[in-house]
Amino acid sequence: MAGWFELSKSSDGQFRFVLKAGNAQTILTSQMYSSRAAAQGGIASVQSSSADDANYERKTATNDKAYFNLKSANHQVIGTSQMYASEASREAGIASVKANGASASIKDLSV
């Protein structure tokens, strides 16, 4: 089953999206956007940037958990992963974003 994006609106009126894998697990979470259109632009950026390994910034949190940021061509962070127990798990998460990031399926939960 292919992945999809979920676009949602927070209680303060801002928008965010998550990328879900085919098993419905969240694999990437965006920043907050001031408008639906800006969040949709973020989704388009994931769709065009997710296949290129050079766009992934591999990081380690202060608690030694591994995670990654997906960056756009202009080096802005588009989305951040969950925390992973190991670098190998982080690499599996990156592979999942690469596999699902080009999805054209968007579930708009913000309406």
PDB file of N, CA and C in Angstrom:
ATOM      1  N   MET A   1       0.841  -1.188   0.000  1.00  0.00           N
ATOM      2  CA  MET A   1       0.000   0.000   0.000  1.00  0.00           C
ATOM      3  C   MET A   1       0.881   1.244   0.000  1.00  0.00           C
ATOM      4  N   ALA A   2       0.523   2.193  -0.792  1.00  0.00           N
ATOM      5  CA  ALA A   2       1.302   3.421  -0.921  1.00  0.00           C
ATOM      6  C   ALA A   2       1.034   4.371   0.241  1.00  0.00           C
ATOM      7  N   GLY A   3       1.996   5.245   0.477  1.00  0.00           N
ATOM      8  CA  GLY A   3       1.840   6.240   1.524  1.00  0.00           C
ATOM      9  C   GLY A   3       0.990   7.409   1.078  1.00  0.00           C
ATOM     10  N   TRP A   4       0.774   8.359   1.998  1.00  0.00           N
ATOM     11  CA  TRP A   4      -0.034   9.542   1.703  1.00  0.00           C
ATOM     12  C   TRP A   4       0.332  10.666   2.665  1.00  0.00           C
ATOM     13  N   PHE A   5      -0.111  11.842   2.307  1.00  0.00           N
ATOM     14  CA  PHE A   5       0.048  13.016   3.155  1.00  0.00           C
ATOM     15  C   PHE A   5      -1.276  13.296   3.853  1.00  0.00           C
ATOM     16  N   GLU A   6      -1.203  13.756   5.094  1.00  0.00           N
ATOM     17  CA  GLU A   6      -2.370  14.241   5.820  1.00  0.00           C
ATOM     18  C   GLU A   6      -2.110  15.698   6.175  1.00  0.00           C
ATOM     19  N   LEU A   7      -3.005  16.560   5.740  1.00  0.00           N
ATOM     20  CA  LEU A   7      -2.922  17.992   6.004  1.00  0.00           C
ATOM     21  C   LEU A   7      -3.939  18.319   7.092  1.00  0.00           C
ATOM     22  N   SER A   8      -3.489  18.985   8.145  1.00  0.00           N
ATOM     23  CA  SER A   8      -4.403  19.290   9.246  1.00  0.00           C
ATOM     24  C   SER A   8      -4.220  20.737   9.707  1.00  0.00           C
ATOM     25  N   LYS A   9      -5.210  21.200  10.458  1.00  0.00           N
ATOM     26  CA  LYS A   9      -5.216  22.563  10.986  1.00  0.00           C
ATOM     27  C   LYS A   9      -5.219  22.487  12.505  1.00  0.00           C
ATOM     28  N   SER A  10      -4.338  23.265  13.130  1.00  0.00           N
ATOM     29  CA  SER A  10      -4.250  23.262  14.590  1.00  0.00           C
ATOM     30  C   SER A  10      -5.287  24.217  15.182  1.00  0.00           C
ATOM     31  N   SER A  11      -5.429  24.171  16.486  1.00  0.00           N
ATOM     32  CA  SER A  11      -6.419  25.007  17.164  1.00  0.00           C
ATOM     33  C   SER A  11      -6.113  26.497  17.039  1.00  0.00           C
ATOM     34  N   ASP A  12      -4.849  26.843  16.767  1.00  0.00           N
ATOM     35  CA  ASP A  12      -4.504  28.261  16.606  1.00  0.00           C
ATOM     36  C   ASP A  12      -4.558  28.717  15.142  1.00  0.00           C
ATOM     37  N   GLY A  13      -5.109  27.861  14.260  1.00  0.00           N
ATOM     38  CA  GLY A  13      -5.322  28.245  12.871  1.00  0.00           C
ATOM     39  C   GLY A  13      -4.161  27.981  11.932  1.00  0.00           C
ATOM     40  N   GLN A  14      -3.085  27.388  12.441  1.00  0.00           N
ATOM     41  CA  GLN A  14      -1.954  27.067  11.582  1.00  0.00           C
ATOM     42  C   GLN A  14      -2.134  25.678  10.965  1.00  0.00           C
ATOM     43  N   PHE A  15      -1.341  25.408   9.937  1.00  0.00           N
ATOM     44  CA  PHE A  15      -1.448  24.149   9.204  1.00  0.00           C
ATOM     45  C   PHE A  15      -0.148  23.369   9.297  1.00  0.00           C
ATOM     46  N   ARG A  16      -0.276  22.053   9.205  1.00  0.00           N
ATOM     47  CA  ARG A  16       0.882  21.169   9.188  1.00  0.00           C
ATOM     48  C   ARG A  16       0.498  19.935   8.405  1.00  0.00           C
ATOM     49  N   PHE A  17       1.500  19.232   7.927  1.00  0.00           N
ATOM     50  CA  PHE A  17       1.235  17.963   7.268  1.00  0.00           C
ATOM     51  C   PHE A  17       2.148  16.893   7.838  1.00  0.00           C
ATOM     52  N   VAL A  18       1.708  15.677   7.697  1.00  0.00           N
ATOM     53  CA  VAL A  18       2.540  14.514   8.002  1.00  0.00           C
ATOM     54  C   VAL A  18       2.533  13.615   6.779  1.00  0.00           C
ATOM     55  N   LEU A  19       3.628  12.893   6.602  1.00  0.00           N
ATOM     56  CA  LEU A  19       3.706  11.864   5.577  1.00  0.00           C
ATOM     57  C   LEU A  19       3.547  10.532   6.276  1.00  0.00           C
ATOM     58  N   LYS A  20       2.589   9.746   5.802  1.00  0.00           N
ATOM     59  CA  LYS A  20       2.322   8.428   6.387  1.00  0.00           C
ATOM     60  C   LYS A  20       2.803   7.348   5.432  1.00  0.00           C
ATOM     61  N   ALA A  21       3.373   6.293   5.988  1.00  0.00           N
ATOM     62  CA  ALA A  21       3.748   5.122   5.205  1.00  0.00           C
ATOM     63  C   ALA A  21       2.494   4.301   4.928  1.00  0.00           C
ATOM     64  N   GLY A  22       2.629   3.318   4.063  1.00  0.00           N
ATOM     65  CA  GLY A  22       1.495   2.464   3.722  1.00  0.00           C
ATOM     66  C   GLY A  22       0.855   1.784   4.915  1.00  0.00           C
ATOM     67  N   ASN A  23       1.623   1.598   6.011  1.00  0.00           N
ATOM     68  CA  ASN A  23       1.092   0.970   7.227  1.00  0.00           C
ATOM     69  C   ASN A  23       0.480   1.995   8.182  1.00  0.00           C
ATOM     70  N   ALA A  24       0.317   3.241   7.725  1.00  0.00           N
ATOM     71  CA  ALA A  24      -0.293   4.355   8.465  1.00  0.00           C
ATOM     72  C   ALA A  24       0.613   4.940   9.545  1.00  0.00           C
ATOM     73  N   GLN A  25       1.863   4.548   9.589  1.00  0.00           N
ATOM     74  CA  GLN A  25       2.802   5.108  10.559  1.00  0.00           C
ATOM     75  C   GLN A  25       3.339   6.443  10.028  1.00  0.00           C
ATOM     76  N   THR A  26       3.391   7.456  10.898  1.00  0.00           N
ATOM     77  CA  THR A  26       3.934   8.754  10.509  1.00  0.00           C
ATOM     78  C   THR A  26       5.435   8.630  10.339  1.00  0.00           C
ATOM     79  N   ILE A  27       5.938   9.075   9.165  1.00  0.00           N
ATOM     80  CA  ILE A  27       7.371   8.981   8.892  1.00  0.00           C
ATOM     81  C   ILE A  27       8.038  10.346   8.729  1.00  0.00           C
ATOM     82  N   LEU A  28       7.236  11.407   8.588  1.00  0.00           N
ATOM     83  CA  LEU A  28       7.794  12.758   8.470  1.00  0.00           C
ATOM     84  C   LEU A  28       6.728  13.745   8.930  1.00  0.00           C
ATOM     85  N   THR A  29       7.139  14.739   9.729  1.00  0.00           N
ATOM     86  CA  THR A  29       6.229  15.770  10.228  1.00  0.00           C
ATOM     87  C   THR A  29       6.765  17.132   9.832  1.00  0.00           C
ATOM     88  N   SER A  30       5.891  17.970   9.312  1.00  0.00           N
ATOM     89  CA  SER A  30       6.314  19.300   8.859  1.00  0.00           C
ATOM     90  C   SER A  30       6.361  20.293  10.007  1.00  0.00           C
ATOM     91  N   GLN A  31       6.878  21.459   9.691  1.00  0.00           N
ATOM     92  CA  GLN A  31       6.785  22.615  10.568  1.00  0.00           C
ATOM     93  C   GLN A  31       5.344  23.124  10.513  1.00  0.00           C
ATOM     94  N   MET A  32       5.047  24.167  11.261  1.00  0.00           N
ATOM     95  CA  MET A  32       3.739  24.807  11.185  1.00  0.00           C
ATOM     96  C   MET A  32       3.782  25.871  10.095  1.00  0.00           C
ATOM     97  N   TYR A  33       2.683  25.966   9.343  1.00  0.00           N
ATOM     98  CA  TYR A  33       2.551  26.953   8.269  1.00  0.00           C
ATOM     99  C   TYR A  33       1.373  27.869   8.593  1.00  0.00           C
ATOM    100  N   SER A  34       1.471  29.120   8.158  1.00  0.00           N
ATOM    101  CA  SER A  34       0.415  30.084   8.456  1.00  0.00           C
ATOM    102  C   SER A  34      -0.799  29.927   7.549  1.00  0.00           C
ATOM    103  N   SER A  35      -0.649  29.217   6.424  1.00  0.00           N
ATOM    104  CA  SER A  35      -1.774  29.054   5.509  1.00  0.00           C
ATOM    105  C   SER A  35      -1.807  27.645   4.920  1.00  0.00           C
ATOM    106  N   ARG A  36      -2.976  27.248   4.448  1.00  0.00           N
ATOM    107  CA  ARG A  36      -3.142  25.952   3.778  1.00  0.00           C
ATOM    108  C   ARG A  36      -2.245  25.911   2.534  1.00  0.00           C
ATOM    109  N   ALA A  37      -2.218  27.005   1.775  1.00  0.00           N
ATOM    110  CA  ALA A  37      -1.420  27.060   0.549  1.00  0.00           C
ATOM    111  C   ALA A  37       0.067  26.854   0.842  1.00  0.00           C
ATOM    112  N   ALA A  38       0.553  27.437   1.916  1.00  0.00           N
ATOM    113  CA  ALA A  38       1.963  27.267   2.277  1.00  0.00           C
ATOM    114  C   ALA A  38       2.249  25.811   2.655  1.00  0.00           C
ATOM    115  N   ALA A  39       1.341  25.188   3.383  1.00  0.00           N
ATOM    116  CA  ALA A  39       1.505  23.773   3.736  1.00  0.00           C
ATOM    117  C   ALA A  39       1.464  22.895   2.484  1.00  0.00           C
ATOM    118  N   GLN A  40       0.602  23.231   1.543  1.00  0.00           N
ATOM    119  CA  GLN A  40       0.542  22.483   0.287  1.00  0.00           C
ATOM    120  C   GLN A  40       1.846  22.651  -0.494  1.00  0.00           C
ATOM    121  N   GLY A  41       2.445  23.830  -0.399  1.00  0.00           N
ATOM    122  CA  GLY A  41       3.755  24.052  -1.006  1.00  0.00           C
ATOM    123  C   GLY A  41       4.823  23.188  -0.360  1.00  0.00           C
ATOM    124  N   GLY A  42       4.716  22.992   0.954  1.00  0.00           N
ATOM    125  CA  GLY A  42       5.631  22.098   1.667  1.00  0.00           C
ATOM    126  C   GLY A  42       5.484  20.660   1.191  1.00  0.00           C
ATOM    127  N   ILE A  43       4.252  20.233   0.980  1.00  0.00           N
ATOM    128  CA  ILE A  43       4.006  18.882   0.457  1.00  0.00           C
ATOM    129  C   ILE A  43       4.650  18.740  -0.921  1.00  0.00           C
ATOM    130  N   ALA A  44       4.465  19.737  -1.773  1.00  0.00           N
ATOM    131  CA  ALA A  44       5.073  19.709  -3.112  1.00  0.00           C
ATOM    132  C   ALA A  44       6.592  19.629  -3.017  1.00  0.00           C
ATOM    133  N   SER A  45       7.154  20.297  -2.024  1.00  0.00           N
ATOM    134  CA  SER A  45       8.599  20.257  -1.829  1.00  0.00           C
ATOM    135  C   SER A  45       9.061  18.864  -1.409  1.00  0.00           C
ATOM    136  N   VAL A  46       8.305  18.196  -0.545  1.00  0.00           N
ATOM    137  CA  VAL A  46       8.635  16.816  -0.178  1.00  0.00           C
ATOM    138  C   VAL A  46       8.565  15.934  -1.417  1.00  0.00           C
ATOM    139  N   GLN A  47       7.506  16.111  -2.205  1.00  0.00           N
ATOM    140  CA  GLN A  47       7.329  15.286  -3.396  1.00  0.00           C
ATOM    141  C   GLN A  47       8.514  15.417  -4.348  1.00  0.00           C
ATOM    142  N   SER A  48       9.084  16.616  -4.458  1.00  0.00           N
ATOM    143  CA  SER A  48      10.184  16.815  -5.392  1.00  0.00           C
ATOM    144  C   SER A  48      11.561  16.573  -4.775  1.00  0.00           C
ATOM    145  N   SER A  49      11.678  16.600  -3.455  1.00  0.00           N
ATOM    146  CA  SER A  49      12.982  16.504  -2.796  1.00  0.00           C
ATOM    147  C   SER A  49      13.285  15.154  -2.156  1.00  0.00           C
ATOM    148  N   SER A  50      12.265  14.346  -1.921  1.00  0.00           N
ATOM    149  CA  SER A  50      12.453  13.148  -1.095  1.00  0.00           C
ATOM    150  C   SER A  50      13.298  12.057  -1.728  1.00  0.00           C
ATOM    151  N   ALA A  51      13.420  12.011  -3.041  1.00  0.00           N
ATOM    152  CA  ALA A  51      14.165  10.923  -3.683  1.00  0.00           C
ATOM    153  C   ALA A  51      15.683  11.094  -3.589  1.00  0.00           C
ATOM    154  N   ASP A  52      16.155  12.316  -3.353  1.00  0.00           N
ATOM    155  CA  ASP A  52      17.588  12.611  -3.380  1.00  0.00           C
ATOM    156  C   ASP A  52      18.204  12.481  -1.987  1.00  0.00           C
ATOM    157  N   ASP A  53      19.128  11.535  -1.844  1.00  0.00           N
ATOM    158  CA  ASP A  53      19.750  11.277  -0.546  1.00  0.00           C
ATOM    159  C   ASP A  53      20.472  12.515  -0.001  1.00  0.00           C
ATOM    160  N   ALA A  54      20.954  13.380  -0.881  1.00  0.00           N
ATOM    161  CA  ALA A  54      21.672  14.585  -0.441  1.00  0.00           C
ATOM    162  C   ALA A  54      20.768  15.546   0.333  1.00  0.00           C
ATOM    163  N   ASN A  55      19.459  15.379   0.241  1.00  0.00           N
ATOM    164  CA  ASN A  55      18.519  16.264   0.938  1.00  0.00           C
ATOM    165  C   ASN A  55      18.228  15.820   2.369  1.00  0.00           C
ATOM    166  N   TYR A  56      18.833  14.728   2.814  1.00  0.00           N
ATOM    167  CA  TYR A  56      18.598  14.228   4.167  1.00  0.00           C
ATOM    168  C   TYR A  56      19.760  14.625   5.076  1.00  0.00           C
ATOM    169  N   GLU A  57      19.395  15.263   6.175  1.00  0.00           N
ATOM    170  CA  GLU A  57      20.370  15.641   7.191  1.00  0.00           C
ATOM    171  C   GLU A  57      20.212  14.667   8.350  1.00  0.00           C
ATOM    172  N   ARG A  58      21.203  13.823   8.537  1.00  0.00           N
ATOM    173  CA  ARG A  58      21.170  12.820   9.600  1.00  0.00           C
ATOM    174  C   ARG A  58      21.692  13.455  10.885  1.00  0.00           C
ATOM    175  N   LYS A  59      20.909  13.331  11.967  1.00  0.00           N
ATOM    176  CA  LYS A  59      21.218  14.009  13.216  1.00  0.00           C
ATOM    177  C   LYS A  59      21.132  13.028  14.390  1.00  0.00           C
ATOM    178  N   THR A  60      21.708  13.451  15.519  1.00  0.00           N
ATOM    179  CA  THR A  60      21.585  12.715  16.778  1.00  0.00           C
ATOM    180  C   THR A  60      21.160  13.707  17.850  1.00  0.00           C
ATOM    181  N   ALA A  61      20.080  13.389  18.544  1.00  0.00           N
ATOM    182  CA  ALA A  61      19.558  14.262  19.599  1.00  0.00           C
ATOM    183  C   ALA A  61      20.430  14.167  20.852  1.00  0.00           C
ATOM    184  N   THR A  62      20.204  15.066  21.785  1.00  0.00           N
ATOM    185  CA  THR A  62      20.988  15.072  23.024  1.00  0.00           C
ATOM    186  C   THR A  62      20.779  13.797  23.847  1.00  0.00           C
ATOM    187  N   ASN A  63      19.669  13.090  23.595  1.00  0.00           N
ATOM    188  CA  ASN A  63      19.430  11.829  24.309  1.00  0.00           C
ATOM    189  C   ASN A  63      19.975  10.624  23.527  1.00  0.00           C
ATOM    190  N   ASP A  64      20.829  10.905  22.534  1.00  0.00           N
ATOM    191  CA  ASP A  64      21.480   9.893  21.690  1.00  0.00           C
ATOM    192  C   ASP A  64      20.534   9.157  20.756  1.00  0.00           C
ATOM    193  N   LYS A  65      19.327   9.661  20.579  1.00  0.00           N
ATOM    194  CA  LYS A  65      18.402   9.073  19.604  1.00  0.00           C
ATOM    195  C   LYS A  65      18.721   9.647  18.222  1.00  0.00           C
ATOM    196  N   ALA A  66      18.626   8.803  17.210  1.00  0.00           N
ATOM    197  CA  ALA A  66      18.881   9.217  15.833  1.00  0.00           C
ATOM    198  C   ALA A  66      17.594   9.759  15.211  1.00  0.00           C
ATOM    199  N   TYR A  67      17.724  10.761  14.358  1.00  0.00           N
ATOM    200  CA  TYR A  67      16.592  11.292  13.602  1.00  0.00           C
ATOM    201  C   TYR A  67      17.133  11.956  12.350  1.00  0.00           C
ATOM    202  N   PHE A  68      16.245  12.449  11.496  1.00  0.00           N
ATOM    203  CA  PHE A  68      16.694  13.148  10.300  1.00  0.00           C
ATOM    204  C   PHE A  68      15.756  14.290   9.953  1.00  0.00           C
ATOM    205  N   ASN A  69      16.304  15.236   9.206  1.00  0.00           N
ATOM    206  CA  ASN A  69      15.539  16.318   8.607  1.00  0.00           C
ATOM    207  C   ASN A  69      15.595  16.132   7.099  1.00  0.00           C
ATOM    208  N   LEU A  70      14.487  16.390   6.435  1.00  0.00           N
ATOM    209  CA  LEU A  70      14.461  16.452   4.982  1.00  0.00           C
ATOM    210  C   LEU A  70      14.519  17.928   4.613  1.00  0.00           C
ATOM    211  N   LYS A  71      15.478  18.277   3.747  1.00  0.00           N
ATOM    212  CA  LYS A  71      15.648  19.671   3.349  1.00  0.00           C
ATOM    213  C   LYS A  71      15.306  19.839   1.873  1.00  0.00           C
ATOM    214  N   SER A  72      14.846  21.025   1.544  1.00  0.00           N
ATOM    215  CA  SER A  72      14.517  21.359   0.157  1.00  0.00           C
ATOM    216  C   SER A  72      15.779  21.803  -0.578  1.00  0.00           C
ATOM    217  N   ALA A  73      15.645  22.105  -1.855  1.00  0.00           N
ATOM    218  CA  ALA A  73      16.780  22.543  -2.670  1.00  0.00           C
ATOM    219  C   ALA A  73      17.419  23.818  -2.117  1.00  0.00           C
ATOM    220  N   ASN A  74      16.629  24.661  -1.433  1.00  0.00           N
ATOM    221  CA  ASN A  74      17.182  25.892  -0.855  1.00  0.00           C
ATOM    222  C   ASN A  74      17.678  25.679   0.582  1.00  0.00           C
ATOM    223  N   HIS A  75      17.816  24.421   0.979  1.00  0.00           N
ATOM    224  CA  HIS A  75      18.375  24.004   2.280  1.00  0.00           C
ATOM    225  C   HIS A  75      17.496  24.322   3.484  1.00  0.00           C
ATOM    226  N   GLN A  76      16.213  24.597   3.252  1.00  0.00           N
ATOM    227  CA  GLN A  76      15.266  24.801   4.348  1.00  0.00           C
ATOM    228  C   GLN A  76      14.719  23.436   4.785  1.00  0.00           C
ATOM    229  N   VAL A  77      14.519  23.266   6.082  1.00  0.00           N
ATOM    230  CA  VAL A  77      13.945  22.008   6.583  1.00  0.00           C
ATOM    231  C   VAL A  77      12.475  21.944   6.187  1.00  0.00           C
ATOM    232  N   ILE A  78      12.099  20.855   5.518  1.00  0.00           N
ATOM    233  CA  ILE A  78      10.705  20.638   5.120  1.00  0.00           C
ATOM    234  C   ILE A  78       9.991  19.815   6.176  1.00  0.00           C
ATOM    235  N   GLY A  79      10.689  18.824   6.702  1.00  0.00           N
ATOM    236  CA  GLY A  79      10.074  17.935   7.684  1.00  0.00           C
ATOM    237  C   GLY A  79      11.120  17.231   8.516  1.00  0.00           C
ATOM    238  N   THR A  80      10.673  16.726   9.654  1.00  0.00           N
ATOM    239  CA  THR A  80      11.537  16.047  10.615  1.00  0.00           C
ATOM    240  C   THR A  80      10.944  14.688  10.939  1.00  0.00           C
ATOM    241  N   SER A  81      11.814  13.725  11.134  1.00  0.00           N
ATOM    242  CA  SER A  81      11.372  12.372  11.466  1.00  0.00           C
ATOM    243  C   SER A  81      11.084  12.237  12.953  1.00  0.00           C
ATOM    244  N   GLN A  82      10.624  11.066  13.304  1.00  0.00           N
ATOM    245  CA  GLN A  82      10.513  10.689  14.711  1.00  0.00           C
ATOM    246  C   GLN A  82      11.918  10.385  15.223  1.00  0.00           C
ATOM    247  N   MET A  83      12.052  10.099  16.489  1.00  0.00           N
ATOM    248  CA  MET A  83      13.323   9.668  17.067  1.00  0.00           C
ATOM    249  C   MET A  83      13.442   8.154  16.916  1.00  0.00           C
ATOM    250  N   TYR A  84      14.630   7.710  16.551  1.00  0.00           N
ATOM    251  CA  TYR A  84      14.894   6.285  16.348  1.00  0.00           C
ATOM    252  C   TYR A  84      15.926   5.799  17.362  1.00  0.00           C
ATOM    253  N   ALA A  85      15.831   4.532  17.740  1.00  0.00           N
ATOM    254  CA  ALA A  85      16.743   3.954  18.727  1.00  0.00           C
ATOM    255  C   ALA A  85      18.139   3.718  18.150  1.00  0.00           C
ATOM    256  N   SER A  86      18.243   3.607  16.819  1.00  0.00           N
ATOM    257  CA  SER A  86      19.539   3.312  16.214  1.00  0.00           C
ATOM    258  C   SER A  86      19.682   4.026  14.869  1.00  0.00           C
ATOM    259  N   GLU A  87      20.914   4.106  14.411  1.00  0.00           N
ATOM    260  CA  GLU A  87      21.178   4.684  13.094  1.00  0.00           C
ATOM    261  C   GLU A  87      20.567   3.821  11.996  1.00  0.00           C
ATOM    262  N   ALA A  88      20.562   2.516  12.201  1.00  0.00           N
ATOM    263  CA  ALA A  88      19.971   1.607  11.207  1.00  0.00           C
ATOM    264  C   ALA A  88      18.467   1.860  11.074  1.00  0.00           C
ATOM    265  N   SER A  89      17.799   2.094  12.191  1.00  0.00           N
ATOM    266  CA  SER A  89      16.365   2.405  12.150  1.00  0.00           C
ATOM    267  C   SER A  89      16.128   3.729  11.445  1.00  0.00           C
ATOM    268  N   ARG A  90      17.006   4.709  11.691  1.00  0.00           N
ATOM    269  CA  ARG A  90      16.898   5.994  11.011  1.00  0.00           C
ATOM    270  C   ARG A  90      17.031   5.801   9.502  1.00  0.00           C
ATOM    271  N   GLU A  91      17.967   4.974   9.078  1.00  0.00           N
ATOM    272  CA  GLU A  91      18.151   4.719   7.644  1.00  0.00           C
ATOM    273  C   GLU A  91      16.915   4.056   7.037  1.00  0.00           C
ATOM    274  N   ALA A  92      16.267   3.199   7.795  1.00  0.00           N
ATOM    275  CA  ALA A  92      15.020   2.581   7.325  1.00  0.00           C
ATOM    276  C   ALA A  92      13.930   3.646   7.191  1.00  0.00           C
ATOM    277  N   GLY A  93      13.905   4.614   8.111  1.00  0.00           N
ATOM    278  CA  GLY A  93      12.949   5.718   8.028  1.00  0.00           C
ATOM    279  C   GLY A  93      13.192   6.571   6.797  1.00  0.00           C
ATOM    280  N   ILE A  94      14.448   6.848   6.504  1.00  0.00           N
ATOM    281  CA  ILE A  94      14.790   7.615   5.302  1.00  0.00           C
ATOM    282  C   ILE A  94      14.351   6.850   4.059  1.00  0.00           C
ATOM    283  N   ALA A  95      14.604   5.549   4.037  1.00  0.00           N
ATOM    284  CA  ALA A  95      14.185   4.730   2.892  1.00  0.00           C
ATOM    285  C   ALA A  95      12.668   4.782   2.707  1.00  0.00           C
ATOM    286  N   SER A  96      11.938   4.812   3.816  1.00  0.00           N
ATOM    287  CA  SER A  96      10.476   4.877   3.744  1.00  0.00           C
ATOM    288  C   SER A  96      10.014   6.225   3.185  1.00  0.00           C
ATOM    289  N   VAL A  97      10.666   7.319   3.597  1.00  0.00           N
ATOM    290  CA  VAL A  97      10.308   8.632   3.046  1.00  0.00           C
ATOM    291  C   VAL A  97      10.636   8.669   1.559  1.00  0.00           C
ATOM    292  N   LYS A  98      11.775   8.113   1.171  1.00  0.00           N
ATOM    293  CA  LYS A  98      12.126   8.058  -0.249  1.00  0.00           C
ATOM    294  C   LYS A  98      11.070   7.281  -1.037  1.00  0.00           C
ATOM    295  N   ALA A  99      10.591   6.188  -0.464  1.00  0.00           N
ATOM    296  CA  ALA A  99       9.613   5.341  -1.154  1.00  0.00           C
ATOM    297  C   ALA A  99       8.222   5.964  -1.211  1.00  0.00           C
ATOM    298  N   ASN A 100       7.866   6.746  -0.198  1.00  0.00           N
ATOM    299  CA  ASN A 100       6.502   7.276  -0.094  1.00  0.00           C
ATOM    300  C   ASN A 100       6.375   8.767  -0.383  1.00  0.00           C
ATOM    301  N   GLY A 101       7.487   9.480  -0.422  1.00  0.00           N
ATOM    302  CA  GLY A 101       7.458  10.938  -0.520  1.00  0.00           C
ATOM    303  C   GLY A 101       6.894  11.495  -1.809  1.00  0.00           C
ATOM    304  N   ALA A 102       6.926  10.725  -2.876  1.00  0.00           N
ATOM    305  CA  ALA A 102       6.404  11.222  -4.151  1.00  0.00           C
ATOM    306  C   ALA A 102       4.897  11.022  -4.281  1.00  0.00           C
ATOM    307  N   SER A 103       4.278  10.483  -3.256  1.00  0.00           N
ATOM    308  CA  SER A 103       2.841  10.207  -3.287  1.00  0.00           C
ATOM    309  C   SER A 103       2.027  11.446  -3.647  1.00  0.00           C
ATOM    310  N   ALA A 104       1.060  11.257  -4.511  1.00  0.00           N
ATOM    311  CA  ALA A 104       0.153  12.351  -4.879  1.00  0.00           C
ATOM    312  C   ALA A 104      -1.111  12.329  -4.023  1.00  0.00           C
ATOM    313  N   SER A 105      -1.226  11.342  -3.144  1.00  0.00           N
ATOM    314  CA  SER A 105      -2.417  11.200  -2.311  1.00  0.00           C
ATOM    315  C   SER A 105      -2.328  12.138  -1.101  1.00  0.00           C
ATOM    316  N   ILE A 106      -3.281  13.068  -1.014  1.00  0.00           N
ATOM    317  CA  ILE A 106      -3.327  14.029   0.094  1.00  0.00           C
ATOM    318  C   ILE A 106      -4.712  13.960   0.721  1.00  0.00           C
ATOM    319  N   LYS A 107      -4.739  13.647   2.018  1.00  0.00           N
ATOM    320  CA  LYS A 107      -5.995  13.652   2.765  1.00  0.00           C
ATOM    321  C   LYS A 107      -6.053  14.962   3.528  1.00  0.00           C
ATOM    322  N   ASP A 108      -6.962  15.830   3.122  1.00  0.00           N
ATOM    323  CA  ASP A 108      -7.087  17.151   3.737  1.00  0.00           C
ATOM    324  C   ASP A 108      -8.048  17.052   4.911  1.00  0.00           C
ATOM    325  N   LEU A 109      -7.491  17.037   6.116  1.00  0.00           N
ATOM    326  CA  LEU A 109      -8.288  16.957   7.342  1.00  0.00           C
ATOM    327  C   LEU A 109      -8.539  18.346   7.921  1.00  0.00           C
ATOM    328  N   SER A 110      -8.124  19.386   7.193  1.00  0.00           N
ATOM    329  CA  SER A 110      -8.184  20.752   7.727  1.00  0.00           C
ATOM    330  C   SER A 110      -9.512  21.443   7.439  1.00  0.00           C
ATOM    331  N   VAL A 111     -10.368  20.803   6.689  1.00  0.00           N
ATOM    332  CA  VAL A 111     -11.652  21.444   6.320  1.00  0.00           C
ATOM    333  C   VAL A 111     -12.760  21.045   7.248  1.00  0.00           C
TER     334      VAL A 111
END
